[in-house]
Amino acid sequence: MTTESIQGVTLTAKANVYFDGKCVSHSFTLADGTKKSAGVVLPATLTFGTAAAEIMECVAGSCEYKLDGSDEWKTSAPGERFQIPANSKFDIRVTDSYHYICHYA
């Protein structure tokens, strides 16, 4: 099931802009203090690093991703999620746009 809206959040208005604008996100906090971000990756092949473990939820578009230490590209489409360990990295390939919610574990 794809998340379409999230109620009761505090949004950080200033965007997080990465890779010369190829990835833009907004951080938000739920009422219980849980932190997340929502954003879009535009067409590109990028490498992201993680501090905390993350779960990437696709809400629109699609991407291919490859976790650190793997040679296998996998696809993520709306309603699908993939996990990235803490202190790791992953490659992402986007041909159209990839809209996501990042859940920090």
Protein backbone atom coordinates (compact mmCIF):
# COMPACT_ATOMS: atom_id res chain seq x y z
CA MET A 1 0.00 0.00 0.00
CA THR A 2 1.33 3.44 -0.93
CA THR A 3 1.31 6.26 1.61
CA GLU A 4 -0.66 9.19 0.18
CA SER A 5 -0.69 11.60 3.12
CA ILE A 6 0.62 11.90 6.65
CA GLN A 7 -1.38 13.74 9.31
CA GLY A 8 -0.13 15.66 12.36
CA VAL A 9 3.43 16.49 11.32
CA THR A 10 5.81 19.36 11.90
CA LEU A 11 7.49 20.17 8.59
CA THR A 12 10.89 21.78 8.16
CA ALA A 13 10.15 24.37 5.50
CA LYS A 14 13.69 24.66 4.13
CA ALA A 15 14.36 21.93 1.58
CA ASN A 16 17.33 19.57 1.68
CA VAL A 17 18.89 19.88 -1.78
CA TYR A 18 21.48 17.32 -2.89
CA PHE A 19 23.46 16.63 -6.05
CA ASP A 20 22.87 20.05 -7.67
CA GLY A 21 19.09 19.72 -7.28
CA LYS A 22 18.74 16.16 -8.54
CA CYS A 23 17.35 15.19 -5.10
CA VAL A 24 15.15 17.50 -3.03
CA SER A 25 13.48 16.53 0.23
CA HIS A 26 11.75 18.00 3.27
CA SER A 27 12.26 16.70 6.79
CA PHE A 28 9.30 16.28 9.09
CA THR A 29 8.58 15.04 12.59
CA LEU A 30 5.53 13.04 13.69
CA ALA A 31 3.67 13.84 16.91
CA ASP A 32 5.51 10.99 18.67
CA GLY A 33 8.92 12.49 17.73
CA THR A 34 9.67 10.10 14.86
CA LYS A 35 11.70 11.82 12.13
CA LYS A 36 11.22 11.17 8.41
CA SER A 37 11.72 12.93 5.11
CA ALA A 38 9.79 13.05 1.85
CA GLY A 39 11.24 14.00 -1.48
CA VAL A 40 11.93 13.34 -5.12
CA VAL A 41 14.96 12.15 -7.07
CA LEU A 42 15.07 13.40 -10.66
CA PRO A 43 16.68 11.44 -13.52
CA ALA A 44 20.24 10.57 -12.48
CA THR A 45 22.51 7.88 -11.09
CA LEU A 46 23.58 8.87 -7.58
CA THR A 47 25.30 7.41 -4.52
CA PHE A 48 23.88 8.19 -1.08
CA GLY A 49 25.50 7.56 2.28
CA THR A 50 23.56 6.73 5.44
CA ALA A 51 24.27 7.47 9.09
CA ALA A 52 21.12 5.85 10.49
CA ALA A 53 19.43 2.81 8.99
CA GLU A 54 16.77 3.84 6.44
CA ILE A 55 13.71 2.39 4.78
CA MET A 56 12.93 3.98 1.43
CA GLU A 57 9.23 3.85 0.49
CA CYS A 58 8.31 4.57 -3.14
CA VAL A 59 5.14 6.67 -3.37
CA ALA A 60 5.31 7.46 -7.13
CA GLY A 61 7.60 6.78 -10.06
CA SER A 62 10.28 4.13 -9.72
CA CYS A 63 13.98 3.57 -9.30
CA GLU A 64 16.63 0.93 -9.47
CA TYR A 65 18.92 0.60 -6.46
CA LYS A 66 22.04 -1.31 -5.51
CA LEU A 67 23.07 -1.76 -1.89
CA ASP A 68 26.68 -1.39 -0.76
CA GLY A 69 28.61 -4.61 -1.36
CA SER A 70 26.15 -5.92 -3.98
CA ASP A 71 26.41 -5.97 -7.77
CA GLU A 72 22.66 -6.59 -8.19
CA TRP A 73 20.35 -3.75 -9.26
CA LYS A 74 16.80 -4.13 -7.91
CA THR A 75 13.65 -2.17 -8.79
CA SER A 76 11.39 -0.23 -6.41
CA ALA A 77 7.94 0.86 -7.61
CA PRO A 78 4.95 2.50 -5.85
CA GLY A 79 4.04 0.72 -2.62
CA GLU A 80 7.42 -1.02 -2.40
CA ARG A 81 10.17 -0.42 0.17
CA PHE A 82 13.85 -1.23 0.51
CA GLN A 83 16.15 -1.07 3.52
CA ILE A 84 19.63 0.38 3.83
CA PRO A 85 21.81 -0.40 6.87
CA ALA A 86 23.29 2.35 9.05
CA ASN A 87 26.73 3.67 8.11
CA SER A 88 26.39 2.32 4.58
CA LYS A 89 25.71 3.59 1.09
CA PHE A 90 23.54 2.75 -1.89
CA ASP A 91 23.41 3.63 -5.57
CA ILE A 92 20.14 4.75 -7.12
CA ARG A 93 19.25 5.04 -10.82
CA VAL A 94 16.21 7.06 -11.82
CA THR A 95 14.99 7.51 -15.41
CA ASP A 96 11.79 9.54 -14.83
CA SER A 97 11.32 10.58 -11.20
CA TYR A 98 11.23 8.72 -7.90
CA HIS A 99 9.01 10.13 -5.14
CA TYR A 100 9.75 8.70 -1.71
CA ILE A 101 9.33 8.77 2.02
CA CYS A 102 12.47 7.97 3.98
CA HIS A 103 11.76 6.25 7.30
CA TYR A 104 14.75 6.45 9.66
CA ALA A 105 15.18 3.30 11.73
